[in-house]
Amino acid sequence: VSYDKATRIYPGSDTPAVDKLDLEIADGEFMVLVGPSGCGKSTSLRML
């Protein structure tokens, strides 16, 4: 799985919910996205 500068800006917002995410996930890897509420982790998953 590859995120290549993936960005999500919600309508009505000037600040990206996910800002230029670059992340390479290997075949068979267990990758965990972690952070406080509102950090963009669930949005990143939903983009995928």
ModelCIF file with pLDDT and N, C-alpha, C, O atoms, coordinates in Angstrom:
data_MODEL
#
_entry.id   MODEL 
#
_entity.id                         1 
_entity.type                       polymer 
_entity.pdbx_number_of_molecules   1 
#
_entity_poly.entity_id                      1 
_entity_poly.type                           'polypeptide(L)' 
_entity_poly.nstd_linkage                   no 
_entity_poly.nstd_monomer                   no 
_entity_poly.pdbx_seq_one_letter_code       VSYDKATRIYPGSDTPAVDKLDLEIADGEFMVLVGPSGCGKSTSLRML 
_entity_poly.pdbx_seq_one_letter_code_can   VSYDKATRIYPGSDTPAVDKLDLEIADGEFMVLVGPSGCGKSTSLRML 
_entity_poly.pdbx_strand_id                 A 
#
loop_
_entity_poly_seq.entity_id 
_entity_poly_seq.num 
_entity_poly_seq.mon_id 
_entity_poly_seq.hetero 
1 1  VAL n 
1 2  SER n 
1 3  TYR n 
1 4  ASP n 
1 5  LYS n 
1 6  ALA n 
1 7  THR n 
1 8  ARG n 
1 9  ILE n 
1 10 TYR n 
1 11 PRO n 
1 12 GLY n 
1 13 SER n 
1 14 ASP n 
1 15 THR n 
1 16 PRO n 
1 17 ALA n 
1 18 VAL n 
1 19 ASP n 
1 20 LYS n 
1 21 LEU n 
1 22 ASP n 
1 23 LEU n 
1 24 GLU n 
1 25 ILE n 
1 26 ALA n 
1 27 ASP n 
1 28 GLY n 
1 29 GLU n 
1 30 PHE n 
1 31 MET n 
1 32 VAL n 
1 33 LEU n 
1 34 VAL n 
1 35 GLY n 
1 36 PRO n 
1 37 SER n 
1 38 GLY n 
1 39 CYS n 
1 40 GLY n 
1 41 LYS n 
1 42 SER n 
1 43 THR n 
1 44 SER n 
1 45 LEU n 
1 46 ARG n 
1 47 MET n 
1 48 LEU n 
#
_struct_asym.id          A 
_struct_asym.entity_id   1 
#
loop_
_ma_qa_metric.id 
_ma_qa_metric.mode 
_ma_qa_metric.name 
_ma_qa_metric.software_group_id 
_ma_qa_metric.type 
1 global pLDDT . pLDDT 
2 local  pLDDT . pLDDT 
#
_ma_qa_metric_global.metric_id      1 
_ma_qa_metric_global.metric_value   96.12 
_ma_qa_metric_global.model_id       1 
_ma_qa_metric_global.ordinal_id     1 
#
loop_
_ma_qa_metric_local.label_asym_id 
_ma_qa_metric_local.label_comp_id 
_ma_qa_metric_local.label_seq_id 
_ma_qa_metric_local.metric_id 
_ma_qa_metric_local.metric_value 
_ma_qa_metric_local.model_id 
_ma_qa_metric_local.ordinal_id 
A VAL 1  2 97.00 1 1  
A SER 2  2 97.00 1 2  
A TYR 3  2 98.00 1 3  
A ASP 4  2 97.00 1 4  
A LYS 5  2 97.00 1 5  
A ALA 6  2 97.00 1 6  
A THR 7  2 97.00 1 7  
A ARG 8  2 97.00 1 8  
A ILE 9  2 97.00 1 9  
A TYR 10 2 96.00 1 10 
A PRO 11 2 95.00 1 11 
A GLY 12 2 93.00 1 12 
A SER 13 2 92.00 1 13 
A ASP 14 2 91.00 1 14 
A THR 15 2 94.00 1 15 
A PRO 16 2 96.00 1 16 
A ALA 17 2 97.00 1 17 
A VAL 18 2 97.00 1 18 
A ASP 19 2 97.00 1 19 
A LYS 20 2 97.00 1 20 
A LEU 21 2 98.00 1 21 
A ASP 22 2 98.00 1 22 
A LEU 23 2 97.00 1 23 
A GLU 24 2 97.00 1 24 
A ILE 25 2 98.00 1 25 
A ALA 26 2 97.00 1 26 
A ASP 27 2 96.00 1 27 
A GLY 28 2 96.00 1 28 
A GLU 29 2 97.00 1 29 
A PHE 30 2 97.00 1 30 
A MET 31 2 97.00 1 31 
A VAL 32 2 97.00 1 32 
A LEU 33 2 97.00 1 33 
A VAL 34 2 97.00 1 34 
A GLY 35 2 95.00 1 35 
A PRO 36 2 94.00 1 36 
A SER 37 2 92.00 1 37 
A GLY 38 2 92.00 1 38 
A CYS 39 2 95.00 1 39 
A GLY 40 2 96.00 1 40 
A LYS 41 2 96.00 1 41 
A SER 42 2 95.00 1 42 
A THR 43 2 97.00 1 43 
A SER 44 2 97.00 1 44 
A LEU 45 2 97.00 1 45 
A ARG 46 2 96.00 1 46 
A MET 47 2 97.00 1 47 
A LEU 48 2 97.00 1 48 
#
loop_
_atom_site.group_PDB 
_atom_site.id 
_atom_site.type_symbol 
_atom_site.label_atom_id 
_atom_site.label_alt_id 
_atom_site.label_comp_id 
_atom_site.label_asym_id 
_atom_site.label_entity_id 
_atom_site.label_seq_id 
_atom_site.pdbx_PDB_ins_code 
_atom_site.Cartn_x 
_atom_site.Cartn_y 
_atom_site.Cartn_z 
_atom_site.occupancy 
_atom_site.B_iso_or_equiv 
_atom_site.pdbx_formal_charge 
_atom_site.auth_seq_id 
_atom_site.auth_comp_id 
_atom_site.auth_asym_id 
_atom_site.auth_atom_id 
_atom_site.pdbx_PDB_model_num 
ATOM 1   N N  . VAL A 1 1  ? 0.866   -1.185 0.000  1.00 97.00 ? 1  VAL A N  1 
ATOM 2   C CA . VAL A 1 1  ? 0.000   0.000  0.000  1.00 97.00 ? 1  VAL A CA 1 
ATOM 3   C C  . VAL A 1 1  ? 0.895   1.225  0.000  1.00 97.00 ? 1  VAL A C  1 
ATOM 4   O O  . VAL A 1 1  ? 1.866   1.291  0.754  1.00 97.00 ? 1  VAL A O  1 
ATOM 5   N N  . SER A 1 2  ? 0.569   2.200  -0.848 1.00 97.00 ? 2  SER A N  1 
ATOM 6   C CA . SER A 1 2  ? 1.364   3.427  -0.916 1.00 97.00 ? 2  SER A CA 1 
ATOM 7   C C  . SER A 1 2  ? 0.467   4.656  -0.867 1.00 97.00 ? 2  SER A C  1 
ATOM 8   O O  . SER A 1 2  ? -0.485  4.780  -1.637 1.00 97.00 ? 2  SER A O  1 
ATOM 9   N N  . TYR A 1 3  ? 0.785   5.556  0.046  1.00 98.00 ? 3  TYR A N  1 
ATOM 10  C CA . TYR A 1 3  ? 0.214   6.907  0.040  1.00 98.00 ? 3  TYR A CA 1 
ATOM 11  C C  . TYR A 1 3  ? 1.279   7.818  -0.559 1.00 98.00 ? 3  TYR A C  1 
ATOM 12  O O  . TYR A 1 3  ? 2.396   7.891  -0.047 1.00 98.00 ? 3  TYR A O  1 
ATOM 13  N N  . ASP A 1 4  ? 0.937   8.509  -1.637 1.00 97.00 ? 4  ASP A N  1 
ATOM 14  C CA . ASP A 1 4  ? 1.886   9.398  -2.308 1.00 97.00 ? 4  ASP A CA 1 
ATOM 15  C C  . ASP A 1 4  ? 1.384   10.843 -2.209 1.00 97.00 ? 4  ASP A C  1 
ATOM 16  O O  . ASP A 1 4  ? 0.597   11.300 -3.038 1.00 97.00 ? 4  ASP A O  1 
ATOM 17  N N  . LYS A 1 5  ? 1.857   11.548 -1.179 1.00 97.00 ? 5  LYS A N  1 
ATOM 18  C CA . LYS A 1 5  ? 1.450   12.939 -0.920 1.00 97.00 ? 5  LYS A CA 1 
ATOM 19  C C  . LYS A 1 5  ? -0.083  13.090 -0.928 1.00 97.00 ? 5  LYS A C  1 
ATOM 20  O O  . LYS A 1 5  ? -0.628  14.073 -1.429 1.00 97.00 ? 5  LYS A O  1 
ATOM 21  N N  . ALA A 1 6  ? -0.747  12.090 -0.360 1.00 97.00 ? 6  ALA A N  1 
ATOM 22  C CA . ALA A 1 6  ? -2.218  12.072 -0.345 1.00 97.00 ? 6  ALA A CA 1 
ATOM 23  C C  . ALA A 1 6  ? -2.757  13.132 0.610  1.00 97.00 ? 6  ALA A C  1 
ATOM 24  O O  . ALA A 1 6  ? -2.349  13.203 1.769  1.00 97.00 ? 6  ALA A O  1 
ATOM 25  N N  . THR A 1 7  ? -3.677  13.954 0.111  1.00 97.00 ? 7  THR A N  1 
ATOM 26  C CA . THR A 1 7  ? -4.222  15.079 0.880  1.00 97.00 ? 7  THR A CA 1 
ATOM 27  C C  . THR A 1 7  ? -5.740  15.057 0.833  1.00 97.00 ? 7  THR A C  1 
ATOM 28  O O  . THR A 1 7  ? -6.344  14.792 -0.207 1.00 97.00 ? 7  THR A O  1 
ATOM 29  N N  . ARG A 1 8  ? -6.345  15.342 1.981  1.00 97.00 ? 8  ARG A N  1 
ATOM 30  C CA . ARG A 1 8  ? -7.802  15.462 2.056  1.00 97.00 ? 8  ARG A CA 1 
ATOM 31  C C  . ARG A 1 8  ? -8.152  16.774 2.748  1.00 97.00 ? 8  ARG A C  1 
ATOM 32  O O  . ARG A 1 8  ? -7.765  17.010 3.892  1.00 97.00 ? 8  ARG A O  1 
ATOM 33  N N  . ILE A 1 9  ? -8.890  17.621 2.036  1.00 97.00 ? 9  ILE A N  1 
ATOM 34  C CA . ILE A 1 9  ? -9.379  18.885 2.595  1.00 97.00 ? 9  ILE A CA 1 
ATOM 35  C C  . ILE A 1 9  ? -10.901 18.838 2.552  1.00 97.00 ? 9  ILE A C  1 
ATOM 36  O O  . ILE A 1 9  ? -11.493 18.754 1.477  1.00 97.00 ? 9  ILE A O  1 
ATOM 37  N N  . TYR A 1 10 ? -11.531 18.893 3.715  1.00 96.00 ? 10 TYR A N  1 
ATOM 38  C CA . TYR A 1 10 ? -12.989 18.836 3.761  1.00 96.00 ? 10 TYR A CA 1 
ATOM 39  C C  . TYR A 1 10 ? -13.588 20.147 3.267  1.00 96.00 ? 10 TYR A C  1 
ATOM 40  O O  . TYR A 1 10 ? -13.015 21.210 3.503  1.00 96.00 ? 10 TYR A O  1 
ATOM 41  N N  . PRO A 1 11 ? -14.727 20.093 2.588  1.00 95.00 ? 11 PRO A N  1 
ATOM 42  C CA . PRO A 1 11 ? -15.385 21.316 2.112  1.00 95.00 ? 11 PRO A CA 1 
ATOM 43  C C  . PRO A 1 11 ? -15.624 22.298 3.256  1.00 95.00 ? 11 PRO A C  1 
ATOM 44  O O  . PRO A 1 11 ? -16.078 21.916 4.335  1.00 95.00 ? 11 PRO A O  1 
ATOM 45  N N  . GLY A 1 12 ? -15.311 23.573 3.002  1.00 93.00 ? 12 GLY A N  1 
ATOM 46  C CA . GLY A 1 12 ? -15.506 24.604 4.016  1.00 93.00 ? 12 GLY A CA 1 
ATOM 47  C C  . GLY A 1 12 ? -14.326 24.781 4.948  1.00 93.00 ? 12 GLY A C  1 
ATOM 48  O O  . GLY A 1 12 ? -14.344 25.653 5.817  1.00 93.00 ? 12 GLY A O  1 
ATOM 49  N N  . SER A 1 13 ? -13.298 23.962 4.775  1.00 92.00 ? 13 SER A N  1 
ATOM 50  C CA . SER A 1 13 ? -12.114 24.063 5.628  1.00 92.00 ? 13 SER A CA 1 
ATOM 51  C C  . SER A 1 13 ? -10.895 24.468 4.803  1.00 92.00 ? 13 SER A C  1 
ATOM 52  O O  . SER A 1 13 ? -10.733 24.027 3.665  1.00 92.00 ? 13 SER A O  1 
ATOM 53  N N  . ASP A 1 14 ? -10.049 25.302 5.380  1.00 91.00 ? 14 ASP A N  1 
ATOM 54  C CA . ASP A 1 14 ? -8.800  25.687 4.710  1.00 91.00 ? 14 ASP A CA 1 
ATOM 55  C C  . ASP A 1 14 ? -7.642  24.787 5.130  1.00 91.00 ? 14 ASP A C  1 
ATOM 56  O O  . ASP A 1 14 ? -6.609  24.738 4.463  1.00 91.00 ? 14 ASP A O  1 
ATOM 57  N N  . THR A 1 15 ? -7.825  24.072 6.248  1.00 94.00 ? 15 THR A N  1 
ATOM 58  C CA . THR A 1 15 ? -6.752  23.228 6.782  1.00 94.00 ? 15 THR A CA 1 
ATOM 59  C C  . THR A 1 15 ? -6.975  21.782 6.382  1.00 94.00 ? 15 THR A C  1 
ATOM 60  O O  . THR A 1 15 ? -8.059  21.246 6.611  1.00 94.00 ? 15 THR A O  1 
ATOM 61  N N  . PRO A 1 16 ? -5.973  21.131 5.785  1.00 96.00 ? 16 PRO A N  1 
ATOM 62  C CA . PRO A 1 16 ? -6.150  19.726 5.390  1.00 96.00 ? 16 PRO A CA 1 
ATOM 63  C C  . PRO A 1 16 ? -6.358  18.821 6.597  1.00 96.00 ? 16 PRO A C  1 
ATOM 64  O O  . PRO A 1 16 ? -5.680  18.969 7.614  1.00 96.00 ? 16 PRO A O  1 
ATOM 65  N N  . ALA A 1 17 ? -7.299  17.880 6.485  1.00 97.00 ? 17 ALA A N  1 
ATOM 66  C CA . ALA A 1 17 ? -7.474  16.864 7.523  1.00 97.00 ? 17 ALA A CA 1 
ATOM 67  C C  . ALA A 1 17 ? -6.321  15.866 7.465  1.00 97.00 ? 17 ALA A C  1 
ATOM 68  O O  . ALA A 1 17 ? -5.890  15.329 8.486  1.00 97.00 ? 17 ALA A O  1 
ATOM 69  N N  . VAL A 1 18 ? -5.834  15.631 6.248  1.00 97.00 ? 18 VAL A N  1 
ATOM 70  C CA . VAL A 1 18 ? -4.615  14.845 6.023  1.00 97.00 ? 18 VAL A CA 1 
ATOM 71  C C  . VAL A 1 18 ? -3.770  15.636 5.036  1.00 97.00 ? 18 VAL A C  1 
ATOM 72  O O  . VAL A 1 18 ? -4.251  16.016 3.968  1.00 97.00 ? 18 VAL A O  1 
ATOM 73  N N  . ASP A 1 19 ? -2.516  15.885 5.386  1.00 97.00 ? 19 ASP A N  1 
ATOM 74  C CA . ASP A 1 19 ? -1.690  16.813 4.619  1.00 97.00 ? 19 ASP A CA 1 
ATOM 75  C C  . ASP A 1 19 ? -0.474  16.111 4.021  1.00 97.00 ? 19 ASP A C  1 
ATOM 76  O O  . ASP A 1 19 ? 0.492   15.809 4.722  1.00 97.00 ? 19 ASP A O  1 
ATOM 77  N N  . LYS A 1 20 ? -0.539  15.857 2.707  1.00 97.00 ? 20 LYS A N  1 
ATOM 78  C CA . LYS A 1 20 ? 0.596   15.299 1.959  1.00 97.00 ? 20 LYS A CA 1 
ATOM 79  C C  . LYS A 1 20 ? 1.186   14.056 2.633  1.00 97.00 ? 20 LYS A C  1 
ATOM 80  O O  . LYS A 1 20 ? 2.382   13.997 2.920  1.00 97.00 ? 20 LYS A O  1 
ATOM 81  N N  . LEU A 1 21 ? 0.338   13.081 2.876  1.00 98.00 ? 21 LEU A N  1 
ATOM 82  C CA . LEU A 1 21 ? 0.769   11.855 3.551  1.00 98.00 ? 21 LEU A CA 1 
ATOM 83  C C  . LEU A 1 21 ? 1.597   10.989 2.613  1.00 98.00 ? 21 LEU A C  1 
ATOM 84  O O  . LEU A 1 21 ? 1.122   10.569 1.557  1.00 98.00 ? 21 LEU A O  1 
ATOM 85  N N  . ASP A 1 22 ? 2.846   10.724 3.010  1.00 98.00 ? 22 ASP A N  1 
ATOM 86  C CA . ASP A 1 22 ? 3.740   9.812  2.299  1.00 98.00 ? 22 ASP A CA 1 
ATOM 87  C C  . ASP A 1 22 ? 3.985   8.608  3.198  1.00 98.00 ? 22 ASP A C  1 
ATOM 88  O O  . ASP A 1 22 ? 4.575   8.742  4.269  1.00 98.00 ? 22 ASP A O  1 
ATOM 89  N N  . LEU A 1 23 ? 3.539   7.442  2.771  1.00 97.00 ? 23 LEU A N  1 
ATOM 90  C CA . LEU A 1 23 ? 3.678   6.260  3.618  1.00 97.00 ? 23 LEU A CA 1 
ATOM 91  C C  . LEU A 1 23 ? 3.701   5.010  2.737  1.00 97.00 ? 23 LEU A C  1 
ATOM 92  O O  . LEU A 1 23 ? 2.821   4.808  1.899  1.00 97.00 ? 23 LEU A O  1 
ATOM 93  N N  . GLU A 1 24 ? 4.723   4.174  2.943  1.00 97.00 ? 24 GLU A N  1 
ATOM 94  C CA . GLU A 1 24 ? 4.848   2.915  2.211  1.00 97.00 ? 24 GLU A CA 1 
ATOM 95  C C  . GLU A 1 24 ? 4.608   1.761  3.184  1.00 97.00 ? 24 GLU A C  1 
ATOM 96  O O  . GLU A 1 24 ? 5.268   1.674  4.220  1.00 97.00 ? 24 GLU A O  1 
ATOM 97  N N  . ILE A 1 25 ? 3.674   0.884  2.855  1.00 98.00 ? 25 ILE A N  1 
ATOM 98  C CA . ILE A 1 25 ? 3.338   -0.268 3.699  1.00 98.00 ? 25 ILE A CA 1 
ATOM 99  C C  . ILE A 1 25 ? 3.680   -1.527 2.916  1.00 98.00 ? 25 ILE A C  1 
ATOM 100 O O  . ILE A 1 25 ? 3.203   -1.725 1.799  1.00 98.00 ? 25 ILE A O  1 
ATOM 101 N N  . ALA A 1 26 ? 4.508   -2.372 3.513  1.00 97.00 ? 26 ALA A N  1 
ATOM 102 C CA . ALA A 1 26 ? 5.009   -3.553 2.814  1.00 97.00 ? 26 ALA A CA 1 
ATOM 103 C C  . ALA A 1 26 ? 3.949   -4.638 2.708  1.00 97.00 ? 26 ALA A C  1 
ATOM 104 O O  . ALA A 1 26 ? 2.971   -4.645 3.455  1.00 97.00 ? 26 ALA A O  1 
ATOM 105 N N  . ASP A 1 27 ? 4.157   -5.546 1.778  1.00 96.00 ? 27 ASP A N  1 
ATOM 106 C CA . ASP A 1 27 ? 3.261   -6.687 1.594  1.00 96.00 ? 27 ASP A CA 1 
ATOM 107 C C  . ASP A 1 27 ? 3.263   -7.533 2.867  1.00 96.00 ? 27 ASP A C  1 
ATOM 108 O O  . ASP A 1 27 ? 4.318   -7.974 3.321  1.00 96.00 ? 27 ASP A O  1 
ATOM 109 N N  . GLY A 1 28 ? 2.076   -7.759 3.442  1.00 96.00 ? 28 GLY A N  1 
ATOM 110 C CA . GLY A 1 28 ? 1.956   -8.578 4.642  1.00 96.00 ? 28 GLY A CA 1 
ATOM 111 C C  . GLY A 1 28 ? 2.237   -7.848 5.942  1.00 96.00 ? 28 GLY A C  1 
ATOM 112 O O  . GLY A 1 28 ? 2.206   -8.461 7.009  1.00 96.00 ? 28 GLY A O  1 
ATOM 113 N N  . GLU A 1 29 ? 2.508   -6.562 5.876  1.00 97.00 ? 29 GLU A N  1 
ATOM 114 C CA . GLU A 1 29 ? 2.853   -5.803 7.079  1.00 97.00 ? 29 GLU A CA 1 
ATOM 115 C C  . GLU A 1 29 ? 1.601   -5.401 7.869  1.00 97.00 ? 29 GLU A C  1 
ATOM 116 O O  . GLU A 1 29 ? 0.533   -5.175 7.300  1.00 97.00 ? 29 GLU A O  1 
ATOM 117 N N  . PHE A 1 30 ? 1.762   -5.319 9.185  1.00 97.00 ? 30 PHE A N  1 
ATOM 118 C CA . PHE A 1 30 ? 0.712   -4.804 10.074 1.00 97.00 ? 30 PHE A CA 1 
ATOM 119 C C  . PHE A 1 30 ? 1.123   -3.380 10.444 1.00 97.00 ? 30 PHE A C  1 
ATOM 120 O O  . PHE A 1 30 ? 1.988   -3.170 11.295 1.00 97.00 ? 30 PHE A O  1 
ATOM 121 N N  . MET A 1 31 ? 0.488   -2.408 9.790  1.00 97.00 ? 31 MET A N  1 
ATOM 122 C CA . MET A 1 31 ? 0.801   -0.996 10.026 1.00 97.00 ? 31 MET A CA 1 
ATOM 123 C C  . MET A 1 31 ? -0.295  -0.371 10.883 1.00 97.00 ? 31 MET A C  1 
ATOM 124 O O  . MET A 1 31 ? -1.481  -0.494 10.577 1.00 97.00 ? 31 MET A O  1 
ATOM 125 N N  . VAL A 1 32 ? 0.110   0.297  11.951 1.00 97.00 ? 32 VAL A N  1 
ATOM 126 C CA . VAL A 1 32 ? -0.842  0.968  12.828 1.00 97.00 ? 32 VAL A CA 1 
ATOM 127 C C  . VAL A 1 32 ? -0.723  2.477  12.660 1.00 97.00 ? 32 VAL A C  1 
ATOM 128 O O  . VAL A 1 32 ? 0.373   3.034  12.728 1.00 97.00 ? 32 VAL A O  1 
ATOM 129 N N  . LEU A 1 33 ? -1.864  3.138  12.440 1.00 97.00 ? 33 LEU A N  1 
ATOM 130 C CA . LEU A 1 33 ? -1.923  4.595  12.424 1.00 97.00 ? 33 LEU A CA 1 
ATOM 131 C C  . LEU A 1 33 ? -2.437  5.045  13.781 1.00 97.00 ? 33 LEU A C  1 
ATOM 132 O O  . LEU A 1 33 ? -3.519  4.637  14.201 1.00 97.00 ? 33 LEU A O  1 
ATOM 133 N N  . VAL A 1 34 ? -1.669  5.887  14.475 1.00 97.00 ? 34 VAL A N  1 
ATOM 134 C CA . VAL A 1 34 ? -2.044  6.270  15.825 1.00 97.00 ? 34 VAL A CA 1 
ATOM 135 C C  . VAL A 1 34 ? -1.877  7.777  16.001 1.00 97.00 ? 34 VAL A C  1 
ATOM 136 O O  . VAL A 1 34 ? -1.070  8.418  15.329 1.00 97.00 ? 34 VAL A O  1 
ATOM 137 N N  . GLY A 1 35 ? -2.664  8.314  16.921 1.00 95.00 ? 35 GLY A N  1 
ATOM 138 C CA . GLY A 1 35 ? -2.585  9.747  17.212 1.00 95.00 ? 35 GLY A CA 1 
ATOM 139 C C  . GLY A 1 35 ? -3.820  10.161 17.991 1.00 95.00 ? 35 GLY A C  1 
ATOM 140 O O  . GLY A 1 35 ? -4.759  9.378  18.129 1.00 95.00 ? 35 GLY A O  1 
ATOM 141 N N  . PRO A 1 36 ? -3.827  11.383 18.499 1.00 94.00 ? 36 PRO A N  1 
ATOM 142 C CA . PRO A 1 36 ? -4.987  11.853 19.261 1.00 94.00 ? 36 PRO A CA 1 
ATOM 143 C C  . PRO A 1 36 ? -6.197  12.082 18.359 1.00 94.00 ? 36 PRO A C  1 
ATOM 144 O O  . PRO A 1 36 ? -6.076  12.059 17.135 1.00 94.00 ? 36 PRO A O  1 
ATOM 145 N N  . SER A 1 37 ? -7.357  12.303 18.960 1.00 92.00 ? 37 SER A N  1 
ATOM 146 C CA . SER A 1 37 ? -8.570  12.571 18.190 1.00 92.00 ? 37 SER A CA 1 
ATOM 147 C C  . SER A 1 37 ? -8.353  13.757 17.257 1.00 92.00 ? 37 SER A C  1 
ATOM 148 O O  . SER A 1 37 ? -7.784  14.774 17.653 1.00 92.00 ? 37 SER A O  1 
ATOM 149 N N  . GLY A 1 38 ? -8.811  13.618 16.018 1.00 92.00 ? 38 GLY A N  1 
ATOM 150 C CA . GLY A 1 38 ? -8.702  14.705 15.053 1.00 92.00 ? 38 GLY A CA 1 
ATOM 151 C C  . GLY A 1 38 ? -7.366  14.797 14.351 1.00 92.00 ? 38 GLY A C  1 
ATOM 152 O O  . GLY A 1 38 ? -7.092  15.788 13.675 1.00 92.00 ? 38 GLY A O  1 
ATOM 153 N N  . CYS A 1 39 ? -6.516  13.770 14.499 1.00 95.00 ? 39 CYS A N  1 
ATOM 154 C CA . CYS A 1 39 ? -5.179  13.849 13.887 1.00 95.00 ? 39 CYS A CA 1 
ATOM 155 C C  . CYS A 1 39 ? -5.175  13.426 12.423 1.00 95.00 ? 39 CYS A C  1 
ATOM 156 O O  . CYS A 1 39 ? -4.186  13.646 11.724 1.00 95.00 ? 39 CYS A O  1 
ATOM 157 N N  . GLY A 1 40 ? -6.279  12.816 11.941 1.00 96.00 ? 40 GLY A N  1 
ATOM 158 C CA . GLY A 1 40 ? -6.353  12.422 10.535 1.00 96.00 ? 40 GLY A CA 1 
ATOM 159 C C  . GLY A 1 40 ? -6.168  10.937 10.278 1.00 96.00 ? 40 GLY A C  1 
ATOM 160 O O  . GLY A 1 40 ? -6.109  10.514 9.123  1.00 96.00 ? 40 GLY A O  1 
ATOM 161 N N  . LYS A 1 41 ? -6.073  10.129 11.345 1.00 96.00 ? 41 LYS A N  1 
ATOM 162 C CA . LYS A 1 41 ? -5.804  8.699  11.136 1.00 96.00 ? 41 LYS A CA 1 
ATOM 163 C C  . LYS A 1 41 ? -6.983  7.979  10.480 1.00 96.00 ? 41 LYS A C  1 
ATOM 164 O O  . LYS A 1 41 ? -6.783  7.193  9.554  1.00 96.00 ? 41 LYS A O  1 
ATOM 165 N N  . SER A 1 42 ? -8.213  8.235  10.946 1.00 95.00 ? 42 SER A N  1 
ATOM 166 C CA . SER A 1 42 ? -9.386  7.575  10.344 1.00 95.00 ? 42 SER A CA 1 
ATOM 167 C C  . SER A 1 42 ? -9.631  8.095  8.939  1.00 95.00 ? 42 SER A C  1 
ATOM 168 O O  . SER A 1 42 ? -10.036 7.340  8.055  1.00 95.00 ? 42 SER A O  1 
ATOM 169 N N  . THR A 1 43 ? -9.386  9.386  8.729  1.00 97.00 ? 43 THR A N  1 
ATOM 170 C CA . THR A 1 43 ? -9.521  9.950  7.377  1.00 97.00 ? 43 THR A CA 1 
ATOM 171 C C  . THR A 1 43 ? -8.546  9.280  6.426  1.00 97.00 ? 43 THR A C  1 
ATOM 172 O O  . THR A 1 43 ? -8.902  8.977  5.287  1.00 97.00 ? 43 THR A O  1 
ATOM 173 N N  . SER A 1 44 ? -7.310  9.042  6.882  1.00 97.00 ? 44 SER A N  1 
ATOM 174 C CA . SER A 1 44 ? -6.307  8.367  6.051  1.00 97.00 ? 44 SER A CA 1 
ATOM 175 C C  . SER A 1 44 ? -6.784  6.975  5.656  1.00 97.00 ? 44 SER A C  1 
ATOM 176 O O  . SER A 1 44 ? -6.622  6.557  4.509  1.00 97.00 ? 44 SER A O  1 
ATOM 177 N N  . LEU A 1 45 ? -7.370  6.263  6.610  1.00 97.00 ? 45 LEU A N  1 
ATOM 178 C CA . LEU A 1 45 ? -7.879  4.921  6.343  1.00 97.00 ? 45 LEU A CA 1 
ATOM 179 C C  . LEU A 1 45 ? -9.037  4.968  5.349  1.00 97.00 ? 45 LEU A C  1 
ATOM 180 O O  . LEU A 1 45 ? -9.122  4.142  4.439  1.00 97.00 ? 45 LEU A O  1 
ATOM 181 N N  . ARG A 1 46 ? -9.913  5.927  5.529  1.00 96.00 ? 46 ARG A N  1 
ATOM 182 C CA . ARG A 1 46 ? -11.086 6.055  4.652  1.00 96.00 ? 46 ARG A CA 1 
ATOM 183 C C  . ARG A 1 46 ? -10.676 6.483  3.238  1.00 96.00 ? 46 ARG A C  1 
ATOM 184 O O  . ARG A 1 46 ? -11.353 6.145  2.267  1.00 96.00 ? 46 ARG A O  1 
ATOM 185 N N  . MET A 1 47 ? -9.578  7.219  3.124  1.00 97.00 ? 47 MET A N  1 
ATOM 186 C CA . MET A 1 47 ? -9.046  7.564  1.797  1.00 97.00 ? 47 MET A CA 1 
ATOM 187 C C  . MET A 1 47 ? -8.582  6.298  1.079  1.00 97.00 ? 47 MET A C  1 
ATOM 188 O O  . MET A 1 47 ? -8.793  6.142  -0.124 1.00 97.00 ? 47 MET A O  1 
ATOM 189 N N  . LEU A 1 48 ? -7.953  5.402  1.826  1.00 97.00 ? 48 LEU A N  1 
ATOM 190 C CA . LEU A 1 48 ? -7.506  4.139  1.253  1.00 97.00 ? 48 LEU A CA 1 
ATOM 191 C C  . LEU A 1 48 ? -8.689  3.257  0.873  1.00 97.00 ? 48 LEU A C  1 
ATOM 192 O O  . LEU A 1 48 ? -8.498  2.149  0.373  1.00 97.00 ? 48 LEU A O  1 
#
